[in-house]
Every structure is written in C-alpha cells, then in structure tokens.
Amino acid sequence: MAEYESLTVAELKDLLRERELPVSGKKAELIARLEEHDSSDAVEQPAEEVEEVEDDFEDDDFEDETDDDFFDDEWDDFHVARQKPVLDDSTVADIAVLNSQKKKQPAFIRQEWFRYRRLSKTGWRKPKGMQSSQRVNRKYRSPMARVGYRKISSVRGLHPSGFEEVMVHKPADLDGIDPERQAVRIGARVGNRKRAQIHDRADDLGLRVLNRRRFQRKGDMQ
C-alpha cells in the first residue's frame, strides 16, 4: 500500500508490534509483512461487516467534527519515538553502574581557572609546575584526573542510549551495520547532498542516525 511507503521504519515497527508481528528486516520487508497481514484480514472479514463499517463513516456528523486542515498542519511535526537498542540484562545493569559513576565524578578544571578567563573555557590539562598546589594535591584544590575515575570497561565508549557508534562518510559505509546494536554518526565534513543520501539509506535499513539534522533539500536532493 502507498500509505506504508510514506511511513518511517520506526512507525512501521510500531504497527507491526500492534499486530504482534516480527519487526526485523529492511523497510521493504516490513511493508510486505504489513500488506500480507492486511490482505489476510480482508479475506477473513465477512462482506456484511465491511458494508456496515462503510455506512457508519457516511454519517454527516462525523464529517462536521473533523478538520482536514488540522491534520495537514500538524502531521509534519508529529513526534516519533527514537529507536532504542536491543540490550541484554547484563548490559542494562552495566549502563546503570556507568551512570552512577558519572554522577560521582567531580568536574576536572584547569589550574588557576579562576584567575584567567581563557583557562575556565578550555579542557583539562595536567599541572606540571614544581610548586603547583594542585599537582601535590593540597587541600581545597580542585581534583586531578586520575586512573581511579575510569568507568566500567564493559560499556565504555557506548552512546548514552546504549548504541555502539559507527562513523560513516558515505552511504556505502552503512552496509553491514546491525540496527539492533549499532547507530550511525555522520562525519562533520560530509556535505548536505551526501548527508541526504545517508539519511534515506539509513531509514531504509532501519538505522538510527545520532547526529541527524534538518536541512532544506533542493533540486536532486529531494
């Protein structure tokens, strides 16, 4: 059906879950699965019941209460839940431990950050002065980054959502990526033309793009 072609992979998977059908596969497979389910329901439903449903929708009161302009204006901004990874119980527990470790970690700031404005806006640098109070760990000094603050190793490097990030620069890089465990991050130097191709290809494969952004499609990018 044409109505399924306009839906995203996440919306198609929601429809499959409502019908208690498998959600694995590419976008074309999901659409074929929904069409097969709809055709089987149409065969099983008696002809009399179909006529009764059509008569109910011919009521004039129903036409007066609906506003087609409302759906046309609001459908583009309809919220779609972001795709989430498929994680086992041990990984979920490790992510919870990782989050608790992040809450306990102090903020690492540079030596004499309060004295020079430029130091407060830059990243961490290890103090190397012979008389540095921060280096010798004197009282009331900001803490230093040490090996003891390192996080749990089993989920180190994962995206906060639980996905494993995969850097891509062209649509061909999407081949072989597991949509249940891995997510896509597009390189910063990729242009809008190639970015649009990556977005379309990722939607067909059911992949989540972590740094997806809106841009105006012109010409052959549409």
C-alpha atoms as a PDB file:
ATOM      1  CA  MET A   1       0.000   0.000   0.000  1.00  0.00           C
ATOM      2  CA  ALA A   2       1.114   3.532  -0.748  1.00  0.00           C
ATOM      3  CA  GLU A   3       0.295   4.652   2.781  1.00  0.00           C
ATOM      4  CA  TYR A   4       3.032   2.416   4.190  1.00  0.00           C
ATOM      5  CA  GLU A   5       5.677   3.842   1.836  1.00  0.00           C
ATOM      6  CA  SER A   6       5.379   7.305   3.424  1.00  0.00           C
ATOM      7  CA  LEU A   7       5.961   5.970   6.965  1.00  0.00           C
ATOM      8  CA  THR A   8       9.352   5.701   8.635  1.00  0.00           C
ATOM      9  CA  VAL A   9      10.884   2.443   9.821  1.00  0.00           C
ATOM     10  CA  ALA A  10      10.110   3.293  13.456  1.00  0.00           C
ATOM     11  CA  GLU A  11       6.420   3.867  12.631  1.00  0.00           C
ATOM     12  CA  LEU A  12       6.268   0.630  10.634  1.00  0.00           C
ATOM     13  CA  LYS A  13       7.731  -1.294  13.564  1.00  0.00           C
ATOM     14  CA  ASP A  14       5.099   0.202  15.881  1.00  0.00           C
ATOM     15  CA  LEU A  15       2.369  -1.050  13.542  1.00  0.00           C
ATOM     16  CA  LEU A  16       3.956  -4.495  13.478  1.00  0.00           C
ATOM     17  CA  ARG A  17       4.108  -4.610  17.272  1.00  0.00           C
ATOM     18  CA  GLU A  18       0.408  -3.729  17.463  1.00  0.00           C
ATOM     19  CA  ARG A  19      -0.341  -6.683  15.170  1.00  0.00           C
ATOM     20  CA  GLU A  20       2.081  -8.931  17.147  1.00  0.00           C
ATOM     21  CA  LEU A  21       4.282  -9.496  14.087  1.00  0.00           C
ATOM     22  CA  PRO A  22       8.114  -9.681  13.819  1.00  0.00           C
ATOM     23  CA  VAL A  23       9.877  -6.321  13.494  1.00  0.00           C
ATOM     24  CA  SER A  24      13.170  -7.476  11.976  1.00  0.00           C
ATOM     25  CA  GLY A  25      14.266  -6.793   8.415  1.00  0.00           C
ATOM     26  CA  LYS A  26      14.549  -3.900   5.996  1.00  0.00           C
ATOM     27  CA  LYS A  27      11.836  -1.362   5.219  1.00  0.00           C
ATOM     28  CA  ALA A  28      10.609  -3.273   2.151  1.00  0.00           C
ATOM     29  CA  GLU A  29      10.231  -6.453   4.219  1.00  0.00           C
ATOM     30  CA  LEU A  30       8.280  -4.599   6.923  1.00  0.00           C
ATOM     31  CA  ILE A  31       5.886  -3.160   4.327  1.00  0.00           C
ATOM     32  CA  ALA A  32       5.393  -6.573   2.706  1.00  0.00           C
ATOM     33  CA  ARG A  33       4.644  -8.106   6.113  1.00  0.00           C
ATOM     34  CA  LEU A  34       2.013  -5.459   6.862  1.00  0.00           C
ATOM     35  CA  GLU A  35       0.390  -5.797   3.441  1.00  0.00           C
ATOM     36  CA  GLU A  36       0.223  -9.573   3.811  1.00  0.00           C
ATOM     37  CA  HIS A  37      -1.413  -9.202   7.221  1.00  0.00           C
ATOM     38  CA  ASP A  38      -3.941  -6.686   5.882  1.00  0.00           C
ATOM     39  CA  SER A  39      -4.848  -8.893   2.927  1.00  0.00           C
ATOM     40  CA  SER A  40      -5.410 -11.896   5.200  1.00  0.00           C
ATOM     41  CA  ASP A  41      -7.679  -9.821   7.486  1.00  0.00           C
ATOM     42  CA  ALA A  42      -9.710  -8.616   4.497  1.00  0.00           C
ATOM     43  CA  VAL A  43     -10.317 -12.208   3.378  1.00  0.00           C
ATOM     44  CA  GLU A  44     -11.394 -13.344   6.847  1.00  0.00           C
ATOM     45  CA  GLN A  45     -13.787 -10.386   7.443  1.00  0.00           C
ATOM     46  CA  PRO A  46     -17.350 -11.054   6.141  1.00  0.00           C
ATOM     47  CA  ALA A  47     -18.740  -8.828   3.411  1.00  0.00           C
ATOM     48  CA  GLU A  48     -21.689  -7.728   5.575  1.00  0.00           C
ATOM     49  CA  GLU A  49     -19.425  -6.331   8.278  1.00  0.00           C
ATOM     50  CA  VAL A  50     -17.455  -4.333   5.727  1.00  0.00           C
ATOM     51  CA  GLU A  51     -20.643  -2.713   4.440  1.00  0.00           C
ATOM     52  CA  GLU A  52     -21.717  -1.788   7.974  1.00  0.00           C
ATOM     53  CA  VAL A  53     -18.396  -0.091   8.651  1.00  0.00           C
ATOM     54  CA  GLU A  54     -18.672   1.934   5.454  1.00  0.00           C
ATOM     55  CA  ASP A  55     -22.226   3.032   6.361  1.00  0.00           C
ATOM     56  CA  ASP A  56     -21.049   4.284   9.740  1.00  0.00           C
ATOM     57  CA  PHE A  57     -18.448   6.572   8.186  1.00  0.00           C
ATOM     58  CA  GLU A  58     -21.054   8.140   5.879  1.00  0.00           C
ATOM     59  CA  ASP A  59     -22.646   9.965   8.804  1.00  0.00           C
ATOM     60  CA  ASP A  60     -22.754  13.735   8.266  1.00  0.00           C
ATOM     61  CA  ASP A  61     -21.972  14.477  11.924  1.00  0.00           C
ATOM     62  CA  PHE A  62     -18.581  12.779  11.625  1.00  0.00           C
ATOM     63  CA  GLU A  63     -17.646  14.931   8.633  1.00  0.00           C
ATOM     64  CA  ASP A  64     -18.556  18.113  10.520  1.00  0.00           C
ATOM     65  CA  GLU A  65     -16.425  17.268  13.557  1.00  0.00           C
ATOM     66  CA  THR A  66     -13.228  16.524  11.623  1.00  0.00           C
ATOM     67  CA  ASP A  67     -10.916  19.187  10.303  1.00  0.00           C
ATOM     68  CA  ASP A  68      -8.620  18.130   7.476  1.00  0.00           C
ATOM     69  CA  ASP A  69      -6.538  21.287   7.755  1.00  0.00           C
ATOM     70  CA  PHE A  70      -5.601  20.407  11.323  1.00  0.00           C
ATOM     71  CA  PHE A  71      -4.060  17.085  10.291  1.00  0.00           C
ATOM     72  CA  ASP A  72      -2.282  18.660   7.322  1.00  0.00           C
ATOM     73  CA  ASP A  73      -0.635  21.291   9.508  1.00  0.00           C
ATOM     74  CA  GLU A  74       0.273  19.118  12.461  1.00  0.00           C
ATOM     75  CA  TRP A  75       1.318  15.859  10.832  1.00  0.00           C
ATOM     76  CA  ASP A  76       4.796  17.108   9.849  1.00  0.00           C
ATOM     77  CA  ASP A  77       5.650  17.897  13.479  1.00  0.00           C
ATOM     78  CA  PHE A  78       4.273  14.614  14.840  1.00  0.00           C
ATOM     79  CA  HIS A  79       6.645  13.169  17.410  1.00  0.00           C
ATOM     80  CA  VAL A  80       8.205   9.797  16.630  1.00  0.00           C
ATOM     81  CA  ALA A  81       9.974   7.872  19.370  1.00  0.00           C
ATOM     82  CA  ARG A  82      13.666   7.375  18.767  1.00  0.00           C
ATOM     83  CA  GLN A  83      14.900   3.899  18.059  1.00  0.00           C
ATOM     84  CA  LYS A  84      16.408   2.128  21.054  1.00  0.00           C
ATOM     85  CA  PRO A  85      18.986  -0.692  21.097  1.00  0.00           C
ATOM     86  CA  VAL A  86      18.266  -4.307  21.975  1.00  0.00           C
ATOM     87  CA  LEU A  87      20.332  -4.922  25.124  1.00  0.00           C
ATOM     88  CA  ASP A  88      20.637  -7.926  27.397  1.00  0.00           C
ATOM     89  CA  ASP A  89      20.119  -7.707  31.159  1.00  0.00           C
ATOM     90  CA  SER A  90      23.843  -7.584  31.964  1.00  0.00           C
ATOM     91  CA  THR A  91      24.446  -4.638  29.629  1.00  0.00           C
ATOM     92  CA  VAL A  92      21.490  -2.730  31.086  1.00  0.00           C
ATOM     93  CA  ALA A  93      22.892  -3.287  34.579  1.00  0.00           C
ATOM     94  CA  ASP A  94      26.363  -2.135  33.478  1.00  0.00           C
ATOM     95  CA  ILE A  95      24.908   1.061  31.975  1.00  0.00           C
ATOM     96  CA  ALA A  96      23.194   1.776  35.289  1.00  0.00           C
ATOM     97  CA  VAL A  97      26.550   1.377  37.045  1.00  0.00           C
ATOM     98  CA  LEU A  98      28.158   3.689  34.481  1.00  0.00           C
ATOM     99  CA  ASN A  99      25.552   6.389  35.112  1.00  0.00           C
ATOM    100  CA  SER A 100      26.089   6.185  38.868  1.00  0.00           C
ATOM    101  CA  GLN A 101      29.846   6.515  38.354  1.00  0.00           C
ATOM    102  CA  LYS A 102      29.352   9.625  36.204  1.00  0.00           C
ATOM    103  CA  LYS A 103      27.291  11.261  38.945  1.00  0.00           C
ATOM    104  CA  LYS A 104      30.070  10.735  41.487  1.00  0.00           C
ATOM    105  CA  GLN A 105      32.834  12.043  39.217  1.00  0.00           C
ATOM    106  CA  PRO A 106      33.918  15.627  40.041  1.00  0.00           C
ATOM    107  CA  ALA A 107      34.457  18.327  37.452  1.00  0.00           C
ATOM    108  CA  PHE A 108      38.092  18.484  36.311  1.00  0.00           C
ATOM    109  CA  ILE A 109      39.099  22.123  35.806  1.00  0.00           C
ATOM    110  CA  ARG A 110      42.455  23.655  34.952  1.00  0.00           C
ATOM    111  CA  GLN A 111      44.874  25.105  37.412  1.00  0.00           C
ATOM    112  CA  GLU A 112      44.129  28.767  38.247  1.00  0.00           C
ATOM    113  CA  TRP A 113      40.946  28.665  36.166  1.00  0.00           C
ATOM    114  CA  PHE A 114      39.544  31.437  38.380  1.00  0.00           C
ATOM    115  CA  ARG A 115      42.438  33.758  37.545  1.00  0.00           C
ATOM    116  CA  TYR A 116      42.358  33.650  33.738  1.00  0.00           C
ATOM    117  CA  ARG A 117      39.113  33.566  31.835  1.00  0.00           C
ATOM    118  CA  ARG A 118      40.559  31.565  28.941  1.00  0.00           C
ATOM    119  CA  LEU A 119      41.508  28.708  31.278  1.00  0.00           C
ATOM    120  CA  SER A 120      37.934  28.299  32.500  1.00  0.00           C
ATOM    121  CA  LYS A 121      36.735  27.621  28.940  1.00  0.00           C
ATOM    122  CA  THR A 122      39.399  25.119  27.909  1.00  0.00           C
ATOM    123  CA  GLY A 123      39.667  21.416  28.612  1.00  0.00           C
ATOM    124  CA  TRP A 124      41.627  19.639  31.291  1.00  0.00           C
ATOM    125  CA  ARG A 125      45.436  19.989  31.416  1.00  0.00           C
ATOM    126  CA  LYS A 126      47.654  18.242  33.906  1.00  0.00           C
ATOM    127  CA  PRO A 127      49.550  20.695  36.164  1.00  0.00           C
ATOM    128  CA  LYS A 128      53.348  20.393  35.802  1.00  0.00           C
ATOM    129  CA  GLY A 129      54.748  23.184  37.947  1.00  0.00           C
ATOM    130  CA  MET A 130      57.248  22.258  40.650  1.00  0.00           C
ATOM    131  CA  GLN A 131      55.346  24.268  43.280  1.00  0.00           C
ATOM    132  CA  SER A 132      51.857  23.569  41.928  1.00  0.00           C
ATOM    133  CA  SER A 133      49.387  23.115  44.776  1.00  0.00           C
ATOM    134  CA  GLN A 134      47.066  21.135  42.546  1.00  0.00           C
ATOM    135  CA  ARG A 135      49.839  18.771  41.446  1.00  0.00           C
ATOM    136  CA  VAL A 136      50.886  17.928  45.010  1.00  0.00           C
ATOM    137  CA  ASN A 137      47.208  17.505  45.955  1.00  0.00           C
ATOM    138  CA  ARG A 138      46.978  20.107  48.685  1.00  0.00           C
ATOM    139  CA  LYS A 139      43.736  20.850  50.496  1.00  0.00           C
ATOM    140  CA  TYR A 140      40.952  22.896  48.923  1.00  0.00           C
ATOM    141  CA  ARG A 141      42.368  22.437  45.442  1.00  0.00           C
ATOM    142  CA  SER A 142      40.336  21.089  42.542  1.00  0.00           C
ATOM    143  CA  PRO A 143      40.879  17.338  41.940  1.00  0.00           C
ATOM    144  CA  MET A 144      43.092  15.952  39.205  1.00  0.00           C
ATOM    145  CA  ALA A 145      42.080  13.404  36.599  1.00  0.00           C
ATOM    146  CA  ARG A 146      43.385  10.047  37.792  1.00  0.00           C
ATOM    147  CA  VAL A 147      43.091   6.436  36.721  1.00  0.00           C
ATOM    148  CA  GLY A 148      40.749   5.712  39.624  1.00  0.00           C
ATOM    149  CA  TYR A 149      37.984   7.739  37.959  1.00  0.00           C
ATOM    150  CA  ARG A 150      37.870   5.413  34.955  1.00  0.00           C
ATOM    151  CA  LYS A 151      34.444   3.900  34.228  1.00  0.00           C
ATOM    152  CA  ILE A 152      33.285   0.299  33.911  1.00  0.00           C
ATOM    153  CA  SER A 153      35.012  -1.322  30.932  1.00  0.00           C
ATOM    154  CA  SER A 154      32.144  -3.450  29.555  1.00  0.00           C
ATOM    155  CA  VAL A 155      30.118  -0.424  28.348  1.00  0.00           C
ATOM    156  CA  ARG A 156      32.939   2.072  27.943  1.00  0.00           C
ATOM    157  CA  GLY A 157      32.595   4.117  24.768  1.00  0.00           C
ATOM    158  CA  LEU A 158      28.879   3.458  24.207  1.00  0.00           C
ATOM    159  CA  HIS A 159      26.430   6.218  23.381  1.00  0.00           C
ATOM    160  CA  PRO A 160      24.227   7.229  26.366  1.00  0.00           C
ATOM    161  CA  SER A 161      21.312   5.486  24.651  1.00  0.00           C
ATOM    162  CA  GLY A 162      23.251   2.178  24.663  1.00  0.00           C
ATOM    163  CA  PHE A 163      24.145   2.113  20.957  1.00  0.00           C
ATOM    164  CA  GLU A 164      27.632   1.437  19.665  1.00  0.00           C
ATOM    165  CA  GLU A 165      28.576   4.393  17.457  1.00  0.00           C
ATOM    166  CA  VAL A 166      29.786   3.800  13.900  1.00  0.00           C
ATOM    167  CA  MET A 167      31.302   6.716  11.969  1.00  0.00           C
ATOM    168  CA  VAL A 168      30.211   6.919   8.323  1.00  0.00           C
ATOM    169  CA  HIS A 169      31.125   9.262   5.473  1.00  0.00           C
ATOM    170  CA  LYS A 170      29.185   7.807   2.528  1.00  0.00           C
ATOM    171  CA  PRO A 171      26.077   5.634   2.006  1.00  0.00           C
ATOM    172  CA  ALA A 172      28.190   2.552   1.275  1.00  0.00           C
ATOM    173  CA  ASP A 173      29.524   2.637   4.858  1.00  0.00           C
ATOM    174  CA  LEU A 174      26.050   1.678   6.144  1.00  0.00           C
ATOM    175  CA  ASP A 175      26.295  -1.866   4.791  1.00  0.00           C
ATOM    176  CA  GLY A 176      26.823  -4.465   7.487  1.00  0.00           C
ATOM    177  CA  ILE A 177      25.716  -2.290  10.434  1.00  0.00           C
ATOM    178  CA  ASP A 178      23.458  -4.031  12.957  1.00  0.00           C
ATOM    179  CA  PRO A 179      20.382  -1.809  13.625  1.00  0.00           C
ATOM    180  CA  GLU A 180      19.749  -3.503  16.981  1.00  0.00           C
ATOM    181  CA  ARG A 181      23.177  -2.767  18.485  1.00  0.00           C
ATOM    182  CA  GLN A 182      24.836  -0.053  16.398  1.00  0.00           C
ATOM    183  CA  ALA A 183      23.914   3.514  15.444  1.00  0.00           C
ATOM    184  CA  VAL A 184      25.282   5.856  12.799  1.00  0.00           C
ATOM    185  CA  ARG A 185      27.208   9.077  13.329  1.00  0.00           C
ATOM    186  CA  ILE A 186      27.855  11.088  10.163  1.00  0.00           C
ATOM    187  CA  GLY A 187      31.239  12.767   9.766  1.00  0.00           C
ATOM    188  CA  ALA A 188      31.360  16.514  10.379  1.00  0.00           C
ATOM    189  CA  ARG A 189      32.802  17.280   6.921  1.00  0.00           C
ATOM    190  CA  VAL A 190      30.042  15.437   4.995  1.00  0.00           C
ATOM    191  CA  GLY A 191      28.002  17.806   2.802  1.00  0.00           C
ATOM    192  CA  ASN A 192      24.226  18.068   2.634  1.00  0.00           C
ATOM    193  CA  ARG A 193      23.972  16.184  -0.668  1.00  0.00           C
ATOM    194  CA  LYS A 194      25.712  13.095   0.645  1.00  0.00           C
ATOM    195  CA  ARG A 195      24.089  13.539   4.073  1.00  0.00           C
ATOM    196  CA  ALA A 196      20.641  13.336   2.456  1.00  0.00           C
ATOM    197  CA  GLN A 197      21.640  10.078   0.758  1.00  0.00           C
ATOM    198  CA  ILE A 198      22.874   8.681   4.076  1.00  0.00           C
ATOM    199  CA  HIS A 199      19.610   9.675   5.805  1.00  0.00           C
ATOM    200  CA  ASP A 200      17.496   7.934   3.158  1.00  0.00           C
ATOM    201  CA  ARG A 201      19.670   4.831   3.152  1.00  0.00           C
ATOM    202  CA  ALA A 202      19.641   4.655   6.972  1.00  0.00           C
ATOM    203  CA  ASP A 203      15.826   4.898   7.019  1.00  0.00           C
ATOM    204  CA  ASP A 204      15.570   2.023   4.542  1.00  0.00           C
ATOM    205  CA  LEU A 205      17.893  -0.129   6.686  1.00  0.00           C
ATOM    206  CA  GLY A 206      16.209   0.856   9.974  1.00  0.00           C
ATOM    207  CA  LEU A 207      19.341   2.528  11.371  1.00  0.00           C
ATOM    208  CA  ARG A 208      19.334   5.397  13.831  1.00  0.00           C
ATOM    209  CA  VAL A 209      21.378   8.495  12.934  1.00  0.00           C
ATOM    210  CA  LEU A 210      22.672  10.043  16.152  1.00  0.00           C
ATOM    211  CA  ASN A 211      23.533  13.455  14.679  1.00  0.00           C
ATOM    212  CA  ARG A 212      20.623  13.792  12.269  1.00  0.00           C
ATOM    213  CA  ARG A 213      19.884  17.409  11.430  1.00  0.00           C
ATOM    214  CA  ARG A 214      17.345  19.289   9.374  1.00  0.00           C
ATOM    215  CA  PHE A 215      18.335  20.979   6.150  1.00  0.00           C
ATOM    216  CA  GLN A 216      16.470  22.177   3.116  1.00  0.00           C
ATOM    217  CA  ARG A 217      16.538  19.722   0.218  1.00  0.00           C
ATOM    218  CA  LYS A 218      16.823  21.386  -3.172  1.00  0.00           C
ATOM    219  CA  GLY A 219      16.961  20.041  -6.692  1.00  0.00           C
ATOM    220  CA  ASP A 220      18.041  16.414  -6.989  1.00  0.00           C
ATOM    221  CA  MET A 221      18.382  16.056  -3.194  1.00  0.00           C
ATOM    222  CA  GLN A 222      14.583  15.733  -2.855  1.00  0.00           C
END
